[in-house]
Amino acid sequence: MNDQRQQALQVLKTAKGQIEAIIRMLEEDRYCMDISNQIIAAQSLLKKANLLILKQHMEHCVTEAFEQGNGSKKIEEIIDILAKVINK
């Protein structure tokens, strides 16, 4: 596992803990604004993990595909992912 995947894994584990805490907050009937702020923080962690994974993909998989002469498919994959991110 390379460094970016390791970082993404750690960020996702942090997000998992945060989501578990959010669930407890709901079960404990905590203040809505506090819960909402924690949800936003968890979303931020998920975005960070996704960026790390996409960066790793571009630096390794896309680069390798271009070296082998078939990079256009990888470019289409990136465009499809970016379209999903942008259209949210």
Protein backbone atom coordinates (compact mmCIF):
# COMPACT_ATOMS: atom_id res chain seq x y z
CA MET A 1 0.00 0.00 0.00
CA ASN A 2 1.51 3.32 -1.02
CA ASP A 3 1.64 6.45 1.12
CA GLN A 4 -1.49 8.10 -0.34
CA ARG A 5 -3.58 4.97 0.15
CA GLN A 6 -2.29 4.68 3.71
CA GLN A 7 -3.23 8.32 4.35
CA ALA A 8 -6.68 7.76 2.82
CA LEU A 9 -7.17 4.69 5.03
CA GLN A 10 -6.32 6.70 8.14
CA VAL A 11 -8.66 9.52 7.12
CA LEU A 12 -11.47 7.01 6.50
CA LYS A 13 -10.90 5.40 9.89
CA THR A 14 -11.16 8.85 11.46
CA ALA A 15 -14.38 9.49 9.52
CA LYS A 16 -15.74 6.14 10.68
CA GLY A 17 -15.14 7.13 14.31
CA GLN A 18 -16.76 10.48 13.68
CA ILE A 19 -19.83 8.86 12.09
CA GLU A 20 -20.13 6.48 15.05
CA ALA A 21 -20.01 9.52 17.36
CA ILE A 22 -22.72 11.22 15.29
CA ILE A 23 -24.94 8.17 15.67
CA ARG A 24 -24.44 8.29 19.45
CA MET A 25 -25.27 12.00 19.42
CA LEU A 26 -28.56 11.24 17.67
CA GLU A 27 -29.35 8.41 20.08
CA GLU A 28 -28.63 10.76 23.00
CA ASP A 29 -30.91 13.41 21.49
CA ARG A 30 -28.12 15.99 21.36
CA TYR A 31 -28.49 19.51 19.99
CA CYS A 32 -29.23 19.53 16.23
CA MET A 33 -26.62 22.17 15.35
CA ASP A 34 -23.88 20.15 17.05
CA ILE A 35 -24.92 17.07 15.10
CA SER A 36 -25.02 19.01 11.84
CA ASN A 37 -21.53 20.40 12.45
CA GLN A 38 -20.20 16.90 13.03
CA ILE A 39 -21.85 15.66 9.83
CA ILE A 40 -20.13 18.47 7.90
CA ALA A 41 -16.80 17.50 9.45
CA ALA A 42 -17.30 13.85 8.45
CA GLN A 43 -18.16 14.89 4.89
CA SER A 44 -14.95 16.90 4.77
CA LEU A 45 -12.94 13.85 5.78
CA LEU A 46 -14.61 11.75 3.07
CA LYS A 47 -13.77 14.38 0.47
CA LYS A 48 -10.15 14.43 1.65
CA ALA A 49 -9.91 10.63 1.38
CA ASN A 50 -11.39 10.74 -2.11
CA LEU A 51 -8.88 13.36 -3.19
CA LEU A 52 -6.01 11.22 -1.90
CA ILE A 53 -7.29 8.20 -3.82
CA LEU A 54 -7.78 10.21 -7.02
CA LYS A 55 -4.31 11.73 -6.69
CA GLN A 56 -2.79 8.27 -6.30
CA HIS A 57 -4.75 7.04 -9.32
CA MET A 58 -3.55 9.89 -11.49
CA GLU A 59 0.07 9.61 -10.38
CA HIS A 60 0.25 5.87 -10.89
CA CYS A 61 -2.52 4.32 -12.98
CA VAL A 62 -3.04 7.20 -15.40
CA THR A 63 0.70 7.77 -15.83
CA GLU A 64 1.23 4.08 -16.49
CA ALA A 65 -1.64 3.97 -18.99
CA PHE A 66 -0.12 6.86 -20.96
CA GLU A 67 3.28 5.16 -20.95
CA GLN A 68 1.59 2.11 -22.47
CA GLY A 69 -0.23 4.24 -25.04
CA ASN A 70 -3.79 3.83 -23.75
CA GLY A 71 -4.30 6.84 -21.52
CA SER A 72 -7.51 8.09 -23.09
CA LYS A 73 -9.64 5.54 -21.20
CA LYS A 74 -8.15 6.69 -17.90
CA ILE A 75 -8.87 10.32 -18.80
CA GLU A 76 -12.51 9.39 -19.42
CA GLU A 77 -12.66 7.69 -16.01
CA ILE A 78 -11.35 10.86 -14.34
CA ILE A 79 -13.84 13.03 -16.23
CA ASP A 80 -16.70 10.73 -15.14
CA ILE A 81 -15.63 10.99 -11.50
CA LEU A 82 -15.22 14.77 -11.69
CA ALA A 83 -18.68 15.07 -13.22
CA LYS A 84 -20.10 13.23 -10.21
CA VAL A 85 -18.24 15.50 -7.80
CA ILE A 86 -19.20 18.71 -9.59
CA ASN A 87 -22.86 17.81 -10.12
CA LYS A 88 -23.57 17.13 -6.46
